[in-house]
């Protein structure tokens, strides 16, 4: 499963399919490969034009879109843990912490800080490791949160996780299952994170951001010509589905330390 997640992109699939069709056409004849060529081009058009990729992504993102946090529905007498899931960073020392974060991670952090503004009691939890033994992603997120005005006393770090399942595991092992958790992540990614939390005994509140498909009156979501952006969108959707399948099967309830 890990091999397919990391290597079987749509680009590789279509290249391999094309090479295979060329070999079959050369070895046999064009008549025998005729229907395979038609199938190839139809499949390419379906994945590379925007309608189906946007439809699938929108449907997946909408699992949490109606859960966008309404401050009037939050019990403000409780303490909430705002778990900001990691999505990349760079340790370029000439840059401030906010600039060291990837655009995706920074947007997630900004959403967490926005939510924290109407919570009297909250803890922002940053997570993410460093695979080179350097400063962790969790640490850079913490520094960025401080730069954006969050008090250091309101921030906790989980510095060991390298993926979503490990982020949830680290949270449960550190804080237990009796906390009120708000999970901040991309709308496309959030259903998997919420599923992992639920499997570990926490009914977390989703806080989606970074929507891939938006439905404003000025947004066009109809059919387009084939494009790299549409292929990228379909590829992201398929990869997320593979990861959801993998995590739903592999990860049970984590034991507490």
Protein backbone atom coordinates (compact mmCIF):
# COMPACT_ATOMS: atom_id res chain seq x y z
CA UNK A 1 0.00 0.00 0.00
CA UNK A 2 2.83 2.42 0.85
CA UNK A 3 4.46 1.68 -2.50
CA UNK A 4 1.26 2.52 -4.39
CA UNK A 5 0.73 5.68 -2.34
CA UNK A 6 4.21 6.97 -3.08
CA UNK A 7 4.71 5.85 -6.67
CA UNK A 8 1.45 5.13 -8.48
CA UNK A 9 0.52 8.63 -9.53
CA UNK A 10 -1.84 9.30 -12.41
CA UNK A 11 1.09 10.60 -14.43
CA UNK A 12 2.99 7.33 -14.03
CA UNK A 13 -0.16 5.33 -14.71
CA UNK A 14 -0.88 7.08 -18.00
CA UNK A 15 2.76 6.87 -19.11
CA UNK A 16 2.93 3.14 -18.37
CA UNK A 17 -0.44 2.58 -20.02
CA UNK A 18 0.72 4.49 -23.11
CA UNK A 19 3.95 2.46 -23.35
CA UNK A 20 2.00 -0.77 -22.98
CA UNK A 21 -0.41 0.23 -25.73
CA UNK A 22 2.49 1.13 -28.02
CA UNK A 23 4.03 -2.29 -27.44
CA UNK A 24 0.73 -4.08 -28.04
CA UNK A 25 0.09 -2.06 -31.19
CA UNK A 26 3.57 -2.80 -32.53
CA UNK A 27 3.50 -6.49 -31.63
CA UNK A 28 0.01 -7.19 -32.90
CA UNK A 29 -1.85 -4.61 -34.95
CA UNK A 30 -3.82 -1.42 -34.57
CA UNK A 31 -7.16 -3.19 -35.02
CA UNK A 32 -6.64 -5.40 -31.96
CA UNK A 33 -5.54 -2.44 -29.86
CA UNK A 34 -8.24 -0.11 -31.21
CA UNK A 35 -10.64 -0.36 -28.28
CA UNK A 36 -7.81 -0.10 -25.77
CA UNK A 37 -6.70 3.18 -27.37
CA UNK A 38 -10.26 4.50 -27.19
CA UNK A 39 -10.51 3.48 -23.54
CA UNK A 40 -7.15 5.16 -22.83
CA UNK A 41 -8.18 8.50 -24.32
CA UNK A 42 -11.59 8.46 -22.63
CA UNK A 43 -9.97 7.72 -19.27
CA UNK A 44 -7.42 10.47 -19.86
CA UNK A 45 -10.12 13.01 -20.70
CA UNK A 46 -12.15 12.04 -17.63
CA UNK A 47 -9.15 12.57 -15.33
CA UNK A 48 -7.59 15.58 -17.05
CA UNK A 49 -10.71 17.70 -17.55
CA UNK A 50 -12.03 19.43 -14.47
CA UNK A 51 -15.61 18.22 -14.11
CA UNK A 52 -15.12 14.78 -12.52
CA UNK A 53 -12.07 15.68 -10.36
CA UNK A 54 -13.90 18.72 -8.97
CA UNK A 55 -17.10 16.74 -8.42
CA UNK A 56 -15.31 13.99 -6.47
CA UNK A 57 -13.22 16.40 -4.41
CA UNK A 58 -16.20 18.63 -3.66
CA UNK A 59 -18.23 15.62 -2.50
CA UNK A 60 -15.42 14.50 -0.19
CA UNK A 61 -14.78 17.99 1.17
CA UNK A 62 -18.47 18.51 1.84
CA UNK A 63 -18.39 15.75 4.44
CA UNK A 64 -17.11 18.43 6.79
CA UNK A 65 -18.11 21.66 5.06
CA UNK A 66 -21.33 21.91 7.04
CA UNK A 67 -19.27 21.52 10.21
CA UNK A 68 -17.41 24.82 9.83
CA UNK A 69 -17.29 26.02 13.39
CA UNK A 70 -20.02 28.37 14.52
CA UNK A 71 -18.84 30.21 17.61
CA UNK A 72 -22.42 30.55 18.83
CA UNK A 73 -22.68 26.76 19.11
CA UNK A 74 -19.46 26.29 21.10
CA UNK A 75 -19.65 25.66 24.84
CA UNK A 76 -17.26 28.37 25.98
CA UNK A 77 -17.09 27.02 29.52
CA UNK A 78 -14.94 24.12 28.27
CA UNK A 79 -11.26 23.97 27.36
CA UNK A 80 -10.61 23.07 23.73
CA UNK A 81 -7.49 21.55 22.23
CA UNK A 82 -6.92 22.93 18.74
CA UNK A 83 -4.84 20.30 16.96
CA UNK A 84 -3.06 21.81 13.95
CA UNK A 85 -1.99 18.95 11.70
CA UNK A 86 1.35 19.41 9.98
CA UNK A 87 1.86 19.79 6.22
CA UNK A 88 5.45 20.81 5.62
CA UNK A 89 8.03 23.47 6.50
CA UNK A 90 11.51 24.73 5.67
CA UNK A 91 14.27 25.65 8.11
CA UNK A 92 15.63 28.58 6.11
CA UNK A 93 17.05 30.62 8.96
CA UNK A 94 16.81 34.02 7.26
CA UNK A 95 13.01 33.66 7.26
CA UNK A 96 10.60 34.20 10.11
CA UNK A 97 8.75 31.18 11.47
CA UNK A 98 5.57 32.07 9.59
CA UNK A 99 7.53 32.13 6.33
CA UNK A 100 9.25 28.84 7.14
CA UNK A 101 5.89 27.07 7.19
CA UNK A 102 4.41 25.77 3.97
CA UNK A 103 1.37 27.67 2.72
CA UNK A 104 -0.85 24.75 3.74
CA UNK A 105 0.51 24.53 7.29
CA UNK A 106 0.36 28.31 7.73
CA UNK A 107 -3.28 28.42 6.62
CA UNK A 108 -4.14 25.70 9.13
CA UNK A 109 -2.40 27.62 11.90
CA UNK A 110 -4.20 30.84 10.99
CA UNK A 111 -7.53 29.01 11.17
CA UNK A 112 -6.62 27.68 14.63
CA UNK A 113 -5.75 31.17 15.84
CA UNK A 114 -8.97 32.54 14.36
CA UNK A 115 -10.97 29.94 16.29
CA UNK A 116 -8.99 30.60 19.46
CA UNK A 117 -10.13 34.25 19.42
CA UNK A 118 -13.63 33.28 20.60
CA UNK A 119 -12.53 30.55 23.06
CA UNK A 120 -11.80 31.68 26.63
CA UNK A 121 -9.94 28.43 27.34
CA UNK A 122 -7.88 26.76 24.65
CA UNK A 123 -4.62 25.01 23.89
CA UNK A 124 -3.14 25.03 20.39
CA UNK A 125 -1.39 21.71 19.75
CA UNK A 126 1.23 21.66 17.00
CA UNK A 127 2.56 18.37 15.67
CA UNK A 128 5.19 17.11 13.26
CA UNK A 129 8.69 15.69 13.46
CA UNK A 130 11.99 16.33 11.68
CA UNK A 131 13.31 13.37 9.71
CA UNK A 132 16.80 14.92 9.79
CA UNK A 133 17.02 15.36 13.55
CA UNK A 134 16.72 19.15 13.25
CA UNK A 135 14.09 21.48 14.67
CA UNK A 136 10.72 19.76 14.40
CA UNK A 137 7.76 21.03 12.42
CA UNK A 138 5.82 21.25 15.69
CA UNK A 139 8.44 23.65 17.05
CA UNK A 140 8.32 25.91 13.98
CA UNK A 141 4.51 26.00 14.16
CA UNK A 142 4.79 27.00 17.82
CA UNK A 143 7.20 29.83 16.98
CA UNK A 144 4.89 30.99 14.20
CA UNK A 145 1.90 30.97 16.53
CA UNK A 146 3.82 33.14 18.99
CA UNK A 147 4.77 35.52 16.17
CA UNK A 148 1.06 35.81 15.38
CA UNK A 149 0.21 36.76 18.95
CA UNK A 150 -0.56 33.49 20.71
CA UNK A 151 0.77 33.17 24.24
CA UNK A 152 3.41 30.48 24.71
CA UNK A 153 1.42 29.14 27.68
CA UNK A 154 -1.41 28.26 25.27
CA UNK A 155 0.71 26.06 23.00
CA UNK A 156 1.73 22.40 23.34
CA UNK A 157 3.91 20.40 20.95
CA UNK A 158 3.96 16.82 19.67
CA UNK A 159 7.41 16.50 18.10
CA UNK A 160 7.54 12.83 17.07
CA UNK A 161 4.69 12.15 14.56
CA UNK A 162 5.49 11.77 10.86
CA UNK A 163 1.97 11.20 9.50
CA UNK A 164 -1.67 11.76 10.40
CA UNK A 165 -2.19 8.46 12.18
CA UNK A 166 0.89 9.11 14.33
CA UNK A 167 -0.30 12.64 15.08
CA UNK A 168 -3.58 11.28 16.45
CA UNK A 169 -1.75 8.55 18.36
CA UNK A 170 0.64 11.08 19.90
CA UNK A 171 -2.23 13.30 20.99
CA UNK A 172 -4.11 10.43 22.64
CA UNK A 173 -0.99 9.16 24.38
CA UNK A 174 -0.13 12.66 25.64
CA UNK A 175 -3.51 14.06 26.62
CA UNK A 176 -5.89 11.09 26.88
CA UNK A 177 -9.35 10.62 25.41
CA UNK A 178 -11.38 12.93 27.65
CA UNK A 179 -10.39 16.20 25.96
CA UNK A 180 -12.48 18.44 23.72
CA UNK A 181 -10.60 18.39 20.44
CA UNK A 182 -10.94 20.60 17.39
CA UNK A 183 -8.92 19.28 14.44
CA UNK A 184 -7.68 21.80 11.89
CA UNK A 185 -6.69 20.47 8.49
CA UNK A 186 -7.46 20.62 4.78
CA UNK A 187 -11.08 19.88 3.92
CA UNK A 188 -9.94 17.02 1.67
CA UNK A 189 -7.80 15.51 4.42
CA UNK A 190 -10.06 16.12 7.40
CA UNK A 191 -12.47 13.14 7.06
CA UNK A 192 -9.52 10.77 7.55
CA UNK A 193 -8.26 12.68 10.58
CA UNK A 194 -11.72 12.70 12.17
CA UNK A 195 -12.06 8.97 11.44
CA UNK A 196 -8.75 8.27 13.18
CA UNK A 197 -9.77 10.31 16.20
CA UNK A 198 -13.08 8.49 16.41
CA UNK A 199 -11.34 5.11 16.26
CA UNK A 200 -9.34 6.26 19.27
CA UNK A 201 -12.31 7.25 21.37
CA UNK A 202 -12.55 10.99 20.66
CA UNK A 203 -15.43 12.65 18.81
CA UNK A 204 -13.31 15.50 17.49
CA UNK A 205 -14.80 18.63 15.97
CA UNK A 206 -13.66 19.24 12.38
CA UNK A 207 -12.34 22.64 11.36
CA UNK A 208 -11.79 22.42 7.59
CA UNK A 209 -9.63 24.84 5.64
CA UNK A 210 -7.73 24.95 2.32
CA UNK A 211 -10.74 23.93 0.25
CA UNK A 212 -9.68 22.65 -3.17
CA UNK A 213 -13.09 23.33 -4.73
CA UNK A 214 -15.00 26.47 -3.85
CA UNK A 215 -18.54 27.24 -4.95
CA UNK A 216 -18.75 31.01 -4.96
CA UNK A 217 -20.83 32.76 -7.59
CA UNK A 218 -17.60 33.81 -9.30
CA UNK A 219 -16.14 30.26 -9.38
CA UNK A 220 -16.43 28.14 -12.52
CA UNK A 221 -16.78 24.41 -11.83
CA UNK A 222 -17.89 23.18 -15.23
CA UNK A 223 -16.07 21.28 -17.94
CA UNK A 224 -12.66 22.51 -19.11
CA UNK A 225 -9.98 21.46 -21.54
CA UNK A 226 -7.44 18.90 -20.27
CA UNK A 227 -5.00 20.48 -17.84
CA UNK A 228 -2.26 19.64 -15.37
CA UNK A 229 -4.26 21.25 -12.55
CA UNK A 230 -7.21 18.90 -13.14
CA UNK A 231 -4.88 15.91 -13.22
CA UNK A 232 -3.28 17.12 -9.98
CA UNK A 233 -6.69 17.43 -8.36
CA UNK A 234 -7.72 13.92 -9.38
CA UNK A 235 -4.36 12.60 -8.21
CA UNK A 236 -4.78 14.23 -4.78
CA UNK A 237 -8.25 12.75 -4.47
CA UNK A 238 -7.12 9.23 -5.34
CA UNK A 239 -4.12 9.40 -3.00
CA UNK A 240 -6.33 10.56 -0.14
CA UNK A 241 -8.73 7.69 -0.80
CA UNK A 242 -5.85 5.20 -0.68
CA UNK A 243 -4.61 6.69 2.59
CA UNK A 244 -8.13 6.64 4.05
CA UNK A 245 -8.45 2.96 3.15
CA UNK A 246 -5.04 2.15 4.62
CA UNK A 247 -5.64 4.02 7.89
CA UNK A 248 -9.17 2.67 8.34
CA UNK A 249 -7.86 -0.89 8.12
CA UNK A 250 -4.56 -0.67 9.92
CA UNK A 251 -5.09 1.62 12.90
CA UNK A 252 -7.14 0.49 15.83
CA UNK A 253 -7.33 2.08 19.27
CA UNK A 254 -3.89 3.12 20.44
CA UNK A 255 -2.76 1.96 23.83
CA UNK A 256 -2.08 4.59 26.44
CA UNK A 257 1.38 4.96 27.91
